[in-house]
């Protein structure tokens, strides 16, 4: 996975760059996706910090997130989490469309007492 980190209006330290790389890697490691590249742009405008995350995944998925906060590290964490959530939603939609209902939804129906549980179709 190729992760590019850049900064606007300030210089990024190695510790900050490593934290961004670790955060992106940790959020997307649990997902069964082939990540091609990730671009993180950090911007400081006065007291506001903006984190812009773009993650390109195989199968034409691009997860984009733009978060603005007063703390740069909170903005980074929130933007990466937002992009990872988009990727998870994509996986759920793909799984639901291709293979029928997911196991989580089947368990919910079983707990609600719905006897007619449909599997694959």
C-alpha atoms as a PDB file:
ATOM      1  CA  UNK A   1       0.000   0.000   0.000  1.00  0.00           C
ATOM      2  CA  UNK A   2       1.378   3.360  -1.054  1.00  0.00           C
ATOM      3  CA  UNK A   3       0.557   6.123   1.446  1.00  0.00           C
ATOM      4  CA  UNK A   4       1.454   9.710   0.556  1.00  0.00           C
ATOM      5  CA  UNK A   5       1.274  12.370   3.261  1.00  0.00           C
ATOM      6  CA  UNK A   6       1.623  16.048   2.434  1.00  0.00           C
ATOM      7  CA  UNK A   7       1.033  19.303   4.236  1.00  0.00           C
ATOM      8  CA  UNK A   8      -0.179  22.716   3.205  1.00  0.00           C
ATOM      9  CA  UNK A   9       1.028  25.837   4.972  1.00  0.00           C
ATOM     10  CA  UNK A  10       3.337  23.883   7.306  1.00  0.00           C
ATOM     11  CA  UNK A  11       6.036  21.222   7.328  1.00  0.00           C
ATOM     12  CA  UNK A  12       5.097  17.716   8.413  1.00  0.00           C
ATOM     13  CA  UNK A  13       7.355  16.074  10.961  1.00  0.00           C
ATOM     14  CA  UNK A  14       8.388  12.436  10.697  1.00  0.00           C
ATOM     15  CA  UNK A  15       6.401  11.572  13.838  1.00  0.00           C
ATOM     16  CA  UNK A  16       3.251  13.088  12.347  1.00  0.00           C
ATOM     17  CA  UNK A  17       3.801  11.274   9.062  1.00  0.00           C
ATOM     18  CA  UNK A  18       4.334   7.965  10.874  1.00  0.00           C
ATOM     19  CA  UNK A  19       1.168   8.476  12.920  1.00  0.00           C
ATOM     20  CA  UNK A  20      -0.867   9.063   9.755  1.00  0.00           C
ATOM     21  CA  UNK A  21       0.588   5.940   8.140  1.00  0.00           C
ATOM     22  CA  UNK A  22      -0.106   3.861  11.258  1.00  0.00           C
ATOM     23  CA  UNK A  23      -3.674   5.152  11.514  1.00  0.00           C
ATOM     24  CA  UNK A  24      -4.488   4.428   7.869  1.00  0.00           C
ATOM     25  CA  UNK A  25      -2.876   0.998   8.045  1.00  0.00           C
ATOM     26  CA  UNK A  26      -4.712   0.075  11.249  1.00  0.00           C
ATOM     27  CA  UNK A  27      -8.147   1.150   9.986  1.00  0.00           C
ATOM     28  CA  UNK A  28      -7.871  -0.594   6.627  1.00  0.00           C
ATOM     29  CA  UNK A  29      -5.951  -3.706   7.753  1.00  0.00           C
ATOM     30  CA  UNK A  30      -9.083  -5.474   8.977  1.00  0.00           C
ATOM     31  CA  UNK A  31     -10.920  -4.973   5.686  1.00  0.00           C
ATOM     32  CA  UNK A  32     -10.524  -7.587   2.936  1.00  0.00           C
ATOM     33  CA  UNK A  33      -9.748  -4.974   0.301  1.00  0.00           C
ATOM     34  CA  UNK A  34      -6.722  -4.486  -1.919  1.00  0.00           C
ATOM     35  CA  UNK A  35      -5.703  -0.888  -1.259  1.00  0.00           C
ATOM     36  CA  UNK A  36      -3.809   0.624  -4.152  1.00  0.00           C
ATOM     37  CA  UNK A  37      -2.907   4.009  -2.681  1.00  0.00           C
ATOM     38  CA  UNK A  38      -3.837   6.518  -0.024  1.00  0.00           C
ATOM     39  CA  UNK A  39      -3.278  10.269  -0.136  1.00  0.00           C
ATOM     40  CA  UNK A  40      -3.534  12.331   3.026  1.00  0.00           C
ATOM     41  CA  UNK A  41      -3.339  16.112   2.795  1.00  0.00           C
ATOM     42  CA  UNK A  42      -3.083  18.060   6.041  1.00  0.00           C
ATOM     43  CA  UNK A  43      -3.850  21.768   6.017  1.00  0.00           C
ATOM     44  CA  UNK A  44      -3.555  24.430   8.701  1.00  0.00           C
ATOM     45  CA  UNK A  45      -5.583  27.594   8.256  1.00  0.00           C
ATOM     46  CA  UNK A  46      -5.252  29.774  11.305  1.00  0.00           C
ATOM     47  CA  UNK A  47      -6.528  27.742  14.234  1.00  0.00           C
ATOM     48  CA  UNK A  48      -8.374  25.239  12.019  1.00  0.00           C
ATOM     49  CA  UNK A  49      -6.880  21.944  10.928  1.00  0.00           C
ATOM     50  CA  UNK A  50      -8.199  20.161   7.853  1.00  0.00           C
ATOM     51  CA  UNK A  51      -7.485  16.528   7.016  1.00  0.00           C
ATOM     52  CA  UNK A  52      -8.316  15.325   3.508  1.00  0.00           C
ATOM     53  CA  UNK A  53      -8.047  11.557   2.966  1.00  0.00           C
ATOM     54  CA  UNK A  54      -8.451   9.803  -0.391  1.00  0.00           C
ATOM     55  CA  UNK A  55      -8.042   6.014  -0.485  1.00  0.00           C
ATOM     56  CA  UNK A  56      -8.047   4.188  -3.819  1.00  0.00           C
ATOM     57  CA  UNK A  57      -9.078   0.551  -3.645  1.00  0.00           C
ATOM     58  CA  UNK A  58      -9.154  -2.156  -6.285  1.00  0.00           C
ATOM     59  CA  UNK A  59     -12.533  -2.555  -8.071  1.00  0.00           C
ATOM     60  CA  UNK A  60     -12.909   1.196  -8.668  1.00  0.00           C
ATOM     61  CA  UNK A  61     -13.709   2.265  -5.124  1.00  0.00           C
ATOM     62  CA  UNK A  62     -12.473   5.645  -3.967  1.00  0.00           C
ATOM     63  CA  UNK A  63     -13.161   6.537  -0.349  1.00  0.00           C
ATOM     64  CA  UNK A  64     -12.911  10.288   0.264  1.00  0.00           C
ATOM     65  CA  UNK A  65     -13.160  12.134   3.556  1.00  0.00           C
ATOM     66  CA  UNK A  66     -12.643  15.760   4.515  1.00  0.00           C
ATOM     67  CA  UNK A  67     -12.735  16.675   8.202  1.00  0.00           C
ATOM     68  CA  UNK A  68     -12.160  20.047   9.816  1.00  0.00           C
ATOM     69  CA  UNK A  69     -11.327  20.412  13.508  1.00  0.00           C
ATOM     70  CA  UNK A  70      -9.311  22.585  15.853  1.00  0.00           C
ATOM     71  CA  UNK A  71      -7.006  19.674  16.718  1.00  0.00           C
ATOM     72  CA  UNK A  72      -4.959  18.240  13.843  1.00  0.00           C
ATOM     73  CA  UNK A  73      -4.731  14.741  15.307  1.00  0.00           C
ATOM     74  CA  UNK A  74      -8.493  14.558  15.902  1.00  0.00           C
ATOM     75  CA  UNK A  75      -9.070  15.649  12.310  1.00  0.00           C
ATOM     76  CA  UNK A  76      -6.709  12.941  11.034  1.00  0.00           C
ATOM     77  CA  UNK A  77      -8.368  10.206  13.085  1.00  0.00           C
ATOM     78  CA  UNK A  78     -11.878  11.301  12.115  1.00  0.00           C
ATOM     79  CA  UNK A  79     -11.065  11.533   8.394  1.00  0.00           C
ATOM     80  CA  UNK A  80      -9.437   8.100   8.283  1.00  0.00           C
ATOM     81  CA  UNK A  81     -12.345   6.601  10.221  1.00  0.00           C
ATOM     82  CA  UNK A  82     -14.800   8.234   7.812  1.00  0.00           C
ATOM     83  CA  UNK A  83     -12.996   6.784   4.781  1.00  0.00           C
ATOM     84  CA  UNK A  84     -12.841   3.336   6.415  1.00  0.00           C
ATOM     85  CA  UNK A  85     -16.577   3.513   7.134  1.00  0.00           C
ATOM     86  CA  UNK A  86     -17.235   4.223   3.466  1.00  0.00           C
ATOM     87  CA  UNK A  87     -15.163   1.177   2.514  1.00  0.00           C
ATOM     88  CA  UNK A  88     -17.060  -1.000   5.020  1.00  0.00           C
ATOM     89  CA  UNK A  89     -20.391   0.149   3.591  1.00  0.00           C
ATOM     90  CA  UNK A  90     -19.150  -0.711   0.116  1.00  0.00           C
ATOM     91  CA  UNK A  91     -18.232  -4.214   1.278  1.00  0.00           C
ATOM     92  CA  UNK A  92     -21.622  -4.712   2.929  1.00  0.00           C
ATOM     93  CA  UNK A  93     -23.461  -3.605  -0.207  1.00  0.00           C
ATOM     94  CA  UNK A  94     -21.346  -5.823  -2.421  1.00  0.00           C
ATOM     95  CA  UNK A  95     -21.808  -8.823  -0.168  1.00  0.00           C
ATOM     96  CA  UNK A  96     -25.546  -8.263   0.144  1.00  0.00           C
ATOM     97  CA  UNK A  97     -25.972  -7.909  -3.592  1.00  0.00           C
ATOM     98  CA  UNK A  98     -23.772 -10.807  -4.612  1.00  0.00           C
ATOM     99  CA  UNK A  99     -24.313 -13.515  -2.007  1.00  0.00           C
ATOM    100  CA  UNK A 100     -27.627 -12.684  -0.437  1.00  0.00           C
ATOM    101  CA  UNK A 101     -28.000 -11.432   3.085  1.00  0.00           C
ATOM    102  CA  UNK A 102     -25.099 -11.095   5.460  1.00  0.00           C
ATOM    103  CA  UNK A 103     -24.818 -13.238   8.558  1.00  0.00           C
ATOM    104  CA  UNK A 104     -25.357 -10.231  10.809  1.00  0.00           C
ATOM    105  CA  UNK A 105     -28.723  -9.461   9.238  1.00  0.00           C
ATOM    106  CA  UNK A 106     -29.745 -13.131   9.469  1.00  0.00           C
ATOM    107  CA  UNK A 107     -28.891 -13.183  13.172  1.00  0.00           C
ATOM    108  CA  UNK A 108     -30.951 -10.025  13.736  1.00  0.00           C
ATOM    109  CA  UNK A 109     -33.968 -11.560  12.010  1.00  0.00           C
ATOM    110  CA  UNK A 110     -33.601 -14.725  14.066  1.00  0.00           C
ATOM    111  CA  UNK A 111     -33.474 -12.687  17.303  1.00  0.00           C
ATOM    112  CA  UNK A 112     -36.561 -10.708  16.289  1.00  0.00           C
ATOM    113  CA  UNK A 113     -38.450 -13.969  15.889  1.00  0.00           C
ATOM    114  CA  UNK A 114     -38.946 -13.908  12.146  1.00  0.00           C
ATOM    115  CA  UNK A 115     -39.318 -17.584  11.235  1.00  0.00           C
ATOM    116  CA  UNK A 116     -39.065 -17.068   7.486  1.00  0.00           C
ATOM    117  CA  UNK A 117     -35.339 -16.452   7.137  1.00  0.00           C
ATOM    118  CA  UNK A 118     -34.265 -16.349   3.504  1.00  0.00           C
ATOM    119  CA  UNK A 119     -30.788 -17.543   2.552  1.00  0.00           C
ATOM    120  CA  UNK A 120     -29.318 -16.698  -0.867  1.00  0.00           C
ATOM    121  CA  UNK A 121     -32.270 -15.599  -2.688  1.00  0.00           C
END
